Amino acid sequence: MVQVHFTSHLRHVAPGGVVTAAGTTIRVVLMDVFARHPALKTYILDDQDRLRVHIAVFLDNEHIRGPETMDHAVRPTSELYILQALSGG
């Protein structure tokens, strides 16, 4: 099972601690998490199920970016970190 971590910025809607989820891609893993924690989905994805602009995804210590992020393959032993990227100056 993939271990999914959410930063404290999402803690008001995210489950506490590590969540385990099944899947072979980031999309499938997140959908598994959202099935159990539906309020979290609107903070992570837009209305077309794309990652929101200010969401950053790290998979096994690698920053995953670009239009194919959601379809990026994961391993059963992967660690996925979801965080709200802060912007501004």
C-alpha atoms as a PDB file:
ATOM      1  CA  MET A   1       0.000   0.000   0.000  1.00  0.00           C
ATOM      2  CA  VAL A   2       1.161   3.515  -0.821  1.00  0.00           C
ATOM      3  CA  GLN A   3       1.706   5.784   2.173  1.00  0.00           C
ATOM      4  CA  VAL A   4       0.104   9.195   1.646  1.00  0.00           C
ATOM      5  CA  HIS A   5       1.130  12.206   3.749  1.00  0.00           C
ATOM      6  CA  PHE A   6      -0.656  15.560   3.898  1.00  0.00           C
ATOM      7  CA  THR A   7       0.932  18.728   5.242  1.00  0.00           C
ATOM      8  CA  SER A   8      -0.408  20.611   8.219  1.00  0.00           C
ATOM      9  CA  HIS A   9      -1.909  23.246   5.880  1.00  0.00           C
ATOM     10  CA  LEU A  10      -4.451  20.606   4.850  1.00  0.00           C
ATOM     11  CA  ARG A  11      -4.941  19.216   8.342  1.00  0.00           C
ATOM     12  CA  HIS A  12      -8.362  20.823   8.782  1.00  0.00           C
ATOM     13  CA  VAL A  13      -9.721  18.494   6.060  1.00  0.00           C
ATOM     14  CA  ALA A  14      -7.037  15.802   5.849  1.00  0.00           C
ATOM     15  CA  PRO A  15      -6.845  12.773   8.099  1.00  0.00           C
ATOM     16  CA  GLY A  16      -4.210  12.903  10.808  1.00  0.00           C
ATOM     17  CA  GLY A  17      -1.061  10.934  10.231  1.00  0.00           C
ATOM     18  CA  VAL A  18      -0.225   8.671   7.335  1.00  0.00           C
ATOM     19  CA  VAL A  19      -2.995   7.269   5.154  1.00  0.00           C
ATOM     20  CA  THR A  20      -2.483   4.068   3.213  1.00  0.00           C
ATOM     21  CA  ALA A  21      -4.074   3.691  -0.193  1.00  0.00           C
ATOM     22  CA  ALA A  22      -4.062   1.266  -3.085  1.00  0.00           C
ATOM     23  CA  GLY A  23      -3.328   2.121  -6.693  1.00  0.00           C
ATOM     24  CA  THR A  24      -0.847   2.045  -9.533  1.00  0.00           C
ATOM     25  CA  THR A  25      -0.928   5.777 -10.345  1.00  0.00           C
ATOM     26  CA  ILE A  26      -1.150   8.961  -8.314  1.00  0.00           C
ATOM     27  CA  ARG A  27      -4.710   9.436  -9.611  1.00  0.00           C
ATOM     28  CA  VAL A  28      -5.891   6.012  -8.441  1.00  0.00           C
ATOM     29  CA  VAL A  29      -4.199   6.393  -5.067  1.00  0.00           C
ATOM     30  CA  LEU A  30      -5.791   9.789  -4.483  1.00  0.00           C
ATOM     31  CA  MET A  31      -9.218   8.541  -5.559  1.00  0.00           C
ATOM     32  CA  ASP A  32      -8.883   5.767  -2.974  1.00  0.00           C
ATOM     33  CA  VAL A  33      -8.102   8.389  -0.316  1.00  0.00           C
ATOM     34  CA  PHE A  34     -10.967  10.642  -1.473  1.00  0.00           C
ATOM     35  CA  ALA A  35     -13.422   7.742  -1.262  1.00  0.00           C
ATOM     36  CA  ARG A  36     -12.721   7.635   2.485  1.00  0.00           C
ATOM     37  CA  HIS A  37     -12.170  11.372   3.007  1.00  0.00           C
ATOM     38  CA  PRO A  38     -14.413  13.137   0.450  1.00  0.00           C
ATOM     39  CA  ALA A  39     -14.003  16.675   1.873  1.00  0.00           C
ATOM     40  CA  LEU A  40     -10.326  16.554   0.943  1.00  0.00           C
ATOM     41  CA  LYS A  41     -10.945  16.216  -2.801  1.00  0.00           C
ATOM     42  CA  THR A  42     -12.012  19.812  -3.459  1.00  0.00           C
ATOM     43  CA  TYR A  43      -8.859  21.120  -1.783  1.00  0.00           C
ATOM     44  CA  ILE A  44      -6.598  18.969  -3.985  1.00  0.00           C
ATOM     45  CA  LEU A  45      -8.426  18.781  -7.330  1.00  0.00           C
ATOM     46  CA  ASP A  46     -10.364  21.276  -9.401  1.00  0.00           C
ATOM     47  CA  ASP A  47     -13.799  20.573 -10.892  1.00  0.00           C
ATOM     48  CA  GLN A  48     -12.176  18.678 -13.794  1.00  0.00           C
ATOM     49  CA  ASP A  49     -10.201  16.389 -11.468  1.00  0.00           C
ATOM     50  CA  ARG A  50      -6.898  18.125 -12.213  1.00  0.00           C
ATOM     51  CA  LEU A  51      -4.461  19.112  -9.484  1.00  0.00           C
ATOM     52  CA  ARG A  52      -5.069  22.629  -8.289  1.00  0.00           C
ATOM     53  CA  VAL A  53      -2.389  25.150  -9.231  1.00  0.00           C
ATOM     54  CA  HIS A  54      -0.977  25.498  -5.723  1.00  0.00           C
ATOM     55  CA  ILE A  55      -0.784  21.800  -4.903  1.00  0.00           C
ATOM     56  CA  ALA A  56       2.650  20.197  -4.981  1.00  0.00           C
ATOM     57  CA  VAL A  57       3.188  16.452  -5.209  1.00  0.00           C
ATOM     58  CA  PHE A  58       6.302  14.585  -4.129  1.00  0.00           C
ATOM     59  CA  LEU A  59       6.614  10.889  -4.858  1.00  0.00           C
ATOM     60  CA  ASP A  60       9.489   9.013  -3.252  1.00  0.00           C
ATOM     61  CA  ASN A  61      11.370  12.295  -2.662  1.00  0.00           C
ATOM     62  CA  GLU A  62      10.903  13.503  -6.256  1.00  0.00           C
ATOM     63  CA  HIS A  63       8.835  16.582  -7.106  1.00  0.00           C
ATOM     64  CA  ILE A  64       6.356  15.401  -9.737  1.00  0.00           C
ATOM     65  CA  ARG A  65       5.054  18.162 -12.021  1.00  0.00           C
ATOM     66  CA  GLY A  66       3.387  18.697 -15.335  1.00  0.00           C
ATOM     67  CA  PRO A  67       0.185  17.619 -17.023  1.00  0.00           C
ATOM     68  CA  GLU A  68       0.921  13.913 -16.529  1.00  0.00           C
ATOM     69  CA  THR A  69       1.362  14.163 -12.758  1.00  0.00           C
ATOM     70  CA  MET A  70      -1.881  12.354 -11.958  1.00  0.00           C
ATOM     71  CA  ASP A  71      -0.956   9.478 -14.283  1.00  0.00           C
ATOM     72  CA  HIS A  72       2.530   9.026 -12.833  1.00  0.00           C
ATOM     73  CA  ALA A  73       3.113   5.413 -11.782  1.00  0.00           C
ATOM     74  CA  VAL A  74       3.546   4.507  -8.120  1.00  0.00           C
ATOM     75  CA  ARG A  75       4.907   1.374  -6.478  1.00  0.00           C
ATOM     76  CA  PRO A  76       3.201  -0.425  -3.594  1.00  0.00           C
ATOM     77  CA  THR A  77       6.025   0.801  -1.338  1.00  0.00           C
ATOM     78  CA  SER A  78       5.877   4.437  -2.504  1.00  0.00           C
ATOM     79  CA  GLU A  79       5.465   7.455  -0.259  1.00  0.00           C
ATOM     80  CA  LEU A  80       3.331  10.270  -1.628  1.00  0.00           C
ATOM     81  CA  TYR A  81       3.421  13.767  -0.107  1.00  0.00           C
ATOM     82  CA  ILE A  82       0.674  16.261  -0.935  1.00  0.00           C
ATOM     83  CA  LEU A  83       1.142  19.868   0.088  1.00  0.00           C
ATOM     84  CA  GLN A  84      -0.135  23.323  -0.630  1.00  0.00           C
ATOM     85  CA  ALA A  85       2.676  25.285  -2.199  1.00  0.00           C
ATOM     86  CA  LEU A  86       2.923  28.784  -0.814  1.00  0.00           C
ATOM     87  CA  SER A  87       3.421  31.695  -3.167  1.00  0.00           C
ATOM     88  CA  GLY A  88       3.893  35.381  -2.816  1.00  0.00           C
ATOM     89  CA  GLY A  89       6.709  37.698  -2.118  1.00  0.00           C
END
